Protein backbone atom coordinates (compact mmCIF):
# COMPACT_ATOMS: atom_id res chain seq x y z
CA UNK A 1 0.24 -8.55 6.40
CA UNK A 2 1.18 -5.55 8.05
CA UNK A 3 2.72 -2.99 6.40
CA UNK A 4 4.73 -1.68 10.11
CA UNK A 5 6.26 1.72 10.15
CA UNK A 6 6.85 1.61 6.07
CA UNK A 7 5.93 4.68 4.81
CA UNK A 8 7.37 5.80 1.39
CA UNK A 9 9.79 8.82 1.47
CA UNK A 10 7.17 10.51 -0.64
CA UNK A 11 4.26 10.50 2.05
CA UNK A 12 7.33 11.68 4.91
CA UNK A 13 8.11 14.63 2.93
CA UNK A 14 4.37 15.27 2.33
CA UNK A 15 3.76 15.44 6.17
CA UNK A 16 6.34 16.99 7.44
CA UNK A 17 5.90 20.32 5.31
CA UNK A 18 1.82 20.30 5.77
CA UNK A 19 3.32 20.53 9.54
CA UNK A 20 5.82 22.36 9.72
CA UNK A 21 5.73 24.33 6.46
CA UNK A 22 2.02 25.46 5.83
CA UNK A 23 2.70 23.04 2.56
CA UNK A 24 -0.86 22.11 0.96
CA UNK A 25 -1.26 18.70 0.90
CA UNK A 26 -4.52 17.15 -0.65
CA UNK A 27 -6.14 14.50 1.31
CA UNK A 28 -6.79 11.68 -1.43
CA UNK A 29 -10.00 10.58 0.93
CA UNK A 30 -11.79 8.01 -1.75
CA UNK A 31 -8.36 7.85 -3.76
CA UNK A 32 -6.88 5.02 -1.57
CA UNK A 33 -5.78 2.26 -3.62
CA UNK A 34 -3.85 -1.17 -2.36
CA UNK A 35 -2.15 -3.13 -5.11
CA UNK A 36 0.44 -6.19 -5.40
CA UNK A 37 3.71 -6.22 -6.03
CA UNK A 38 5.92 -9.10 -6.91
CA UNK A 39 8.85 -7.53 -5.76
CA UNK A 40 10.12 -4.40 -4.13
CA UNK A 41 13.65 -3.05 -3.98
CA UNK A 42 16.24 -0.88 -0.95
CA UNK A 43 13.32 -1.10 1.11
CA UNK A 44 12.74 -2.53 4.24
CA UNK A 45 9.48 -3.32 6.66
CA UNK A 46 11.18 -1.75 9.16
CA UNK A 47 14.27 0.33 8.48
CA UNK A 48 11.82 2.25 5.21
CA UNK A 49 14.52 3.33 2.81
CA UNK A 50 17.81 2.28 1.77
CA UNK A 51 17.57 4.21 -2.15
CA UNK A 52 14.59 5.03 -4.68
CA UNK A 53 12.23 1.56 -4.16
CA UNK A 54 11.74 -0.14 -7.39
CA UNK A 55 7.85 -1.88 -6.95
CA UNK A 56 7.60 -4.88 -9.39
CA UNK A 57 3.75 -4.59 -10.13
CA UNK A 58 1.53 -7.91 -10.03
CA UNK A 59 0.66 -8.69 -13.69
CA UNK A 60 -1.63 -11.08 -13.85
CA UNK A 61 -4.62 -11.59 -16.15
CA UNK A 62 -7.41 -8.88 -15.09
CA UNK A 63 -5.20 -7.35 -11.89
CA UNK A 64 -5.79 -4.00 -11.28
CA UNK A 65 -5.89 -1.78 -8.57
CA UNK A 66 -8.90 -1.43 -5.92
CA UNK A 67 -9.56 1.15 -4.83
CA UNK A 68 -10.68 1.73 -1.02
CA UNK A 69 -12.82 4.36 0.04
CA UNK A 70 -12.46 6.15 3.22
CA UNK A 71 -14.98 4.50 4.64
CA UNK A 72 -13.24 1.50 4.02
CA UNK A 73 -11.15 1.92 7.34
CA UNK A 74 -10.93 1.71 10.48
CA UNK A 75 -8.74 4.00 13.09
CA UNK A 76 -7.65 3.06 16.25
CA UNK A 77 -8.32 5.23 18.60
CA UNK A 78 -5.69 8.21 19.78
CA UNK A 79 -5.15 7.00 23.00
CA UNK A 80 -3.00 3.62 21.93
CA UNK A 81 0.93 3.25 22.39
CA UNK A 82 0.66 2.69 18.05
CA UNK A 83 -1.65 4.63 15.46
CA UNK A 84 -3.11 1.71 13.17
CA UNK A 85 -5.16 1.96 10.51
CA UNK A 86 -7.03 -1.43 9.12
CA UNK A 87 -8.92 -2.23 6.10
CA UNK A 88 -13.12 -2.40 7.29
CA UNK A 89 -13.78 -5.33 4.65
CA UNK A 90 -12.34 -7.38 2.35
CA UNK A 91 -10.51 -6.57 -0.43
CA UNK A 92 -10.79 -9.02 -3.30
CA UNK A 93 -9.09 -8.97 -6.43
CA UNK A 94 -10.46 -10.08 -10.03
CA UNK A 95 -9.52 -13.68 -10.44
CA UNK A 96 -6.80 -14.22 -12.28
CA UNK A 97 -7.42 -15.05 -16.26
CA UNK A 98 -3.73 -16.49 -16.67
CA UNK A 99 -0.04 -15.58 -16.40
CA UNK A 100 1.18 -16.75 -12.62
CA UNK A 101 2.86 -14.41 -10.23
CA UNK A 102 4.26 -15.22 -7.18
CA UNK A 103 3.25 -11.32 -4.36
CA UNK A 104 5.36 -10.47 -2.44
CA UNK A 105 4.47 -6.92 -1.02
CA UNK A 106 1.02 -4.69 -0.61
CA UNK A 107 1.67 -0.59 -1.76
CA UNK A 108 -0.98 2.06 -0.63
CA UNK A 109 -1.74 4.57 -4.07
CA UNK A 110 -2.82 7.21 -4.46
CA UNK A 111 -3.78 6.53 -8.09
CA UNK A 112 -5.63 3.83 -9.59
CA UNK A 113 -2.77 3.48 -12.81
CA UNK A 114 -0.14 5.82 -12.34
CA UNK A 115 3.28 5.23 -12.23
CA UNK A 116 4.62 3.30 -8.95
CA UNK A 117 7.19 7.01 -7.49
CA UNK A 118 8.00 6.96 -3.79
CA UNK A 119 9.60 9.75 -4.27
CA UNK A 120 9.56 13.60 -5.04
CA UNK A 121 6.56 15.90 -6.02
CA UNK A 122 5.30 12.65 -8.47
CA UNK A 123 5.37 10.05 -6.09
CA UNK A 124 1.87 7.95 -5.09
CA UNK A 125 2.93 5.45 -3.15
CA UNK A 126 2.29 5.99 0.17
CA UNK A 127 2.87 2.06 1.83
CA UNK A 128 4.53 -0.88 1.59
CA UNK A 129 4.55 -3.84 3.56
CA UNK A 130 5.68 -7.64 2.70
CA UNK A 131 3.18 -10.39 3.69
CA UNK A 132 3.81 -12.74 5.62
CA UNK A 133 3.78 -15.43 3.03
CA UNK A 134 3.81 -14.89 -0.45
CA UNK A 135 0.85 -15.92 -2.08
CA UNK A 136 1.19 -17.55 -6.22
CA UNK A 137 -1.57 -16.53 -7.58
CA UNK A 138 -2.10 -18.77 -10.87
CA UNK A 139 -5.22 -18.65 -13.14
CA UNK A 140 -8.52 -18.51 -11.70
CA UNK A 141 -6.71 -17.72 -8.47
CA UNK A 142 -8.33 -14.31 -6.50
CA UNK A 143 -6.56 -12.56 -3.79
CA UNK A 144 -8.53 -11.71 -0.92
CA UNK A 145 -7.15 -9.09 1.95
CA UNK A 146 -9.22 -10.39 5.01
CA UNK A 147 -11.09 -8.09 7.04
CA UNK A 148 -8.52 -6.14 8.98
CA UNK A 149 -5.97 -8.02 7.95
CA UNK A 150 -4.72 -5.09 6.06
CA UNK A 151 -2.37 -2.72 9.20
CA UNK A 152 -0.59 0.34 8.57
CA UNK A 153 1.18 1.58 11.81
CA UNK A 154 2.83 4.47 12.53
CA UNK A 155 4.89 4.67 15.82
C-alpha cells in the first residue's frame, strides 16, 4: 500500500507558504494519525486532487484513527532519488465489534477525530492513498498495516 505523491491541497499550500512566504507551519510531531476510508472521491494517487476530495471514513465497530509518533516513521536518506517515509512498526486498528466495511484507502491526518478537511486553513488531512487491494473488515477482524508497508513518497 503506497501513497505516492498523494499530498492534499492543504499540505501543499502549507509547505509552499512555509518555504516561500515565511508562513509558520506548526510541526505535527507526535500528532500524526493514520485512518481508514471506505471511499475517496476527486482524488487520484498519481494526479492528486481534481476537486475538493471527499473521504468516507471507516465506521466498523471500535474503529479509531491510530496515532503514530514521530519516532514511528523511518525517513530515507536524502541521497536517494525519491524521498520516502515508512511506518517503522505495525499500525494496528482494534478488532471490529460489528458493522462490516470495505476499506479502500488510508489517510494521514493531524487530528484524532476532527473532520477530514483536505483544503483551506481548516484542513488536517496530509496524505491520501489507495490500498493495493480493498479489504473487507467484518466482526472480529483486525486491520493491520505491517512495518514498512505504508509508504509516503515525494518526488
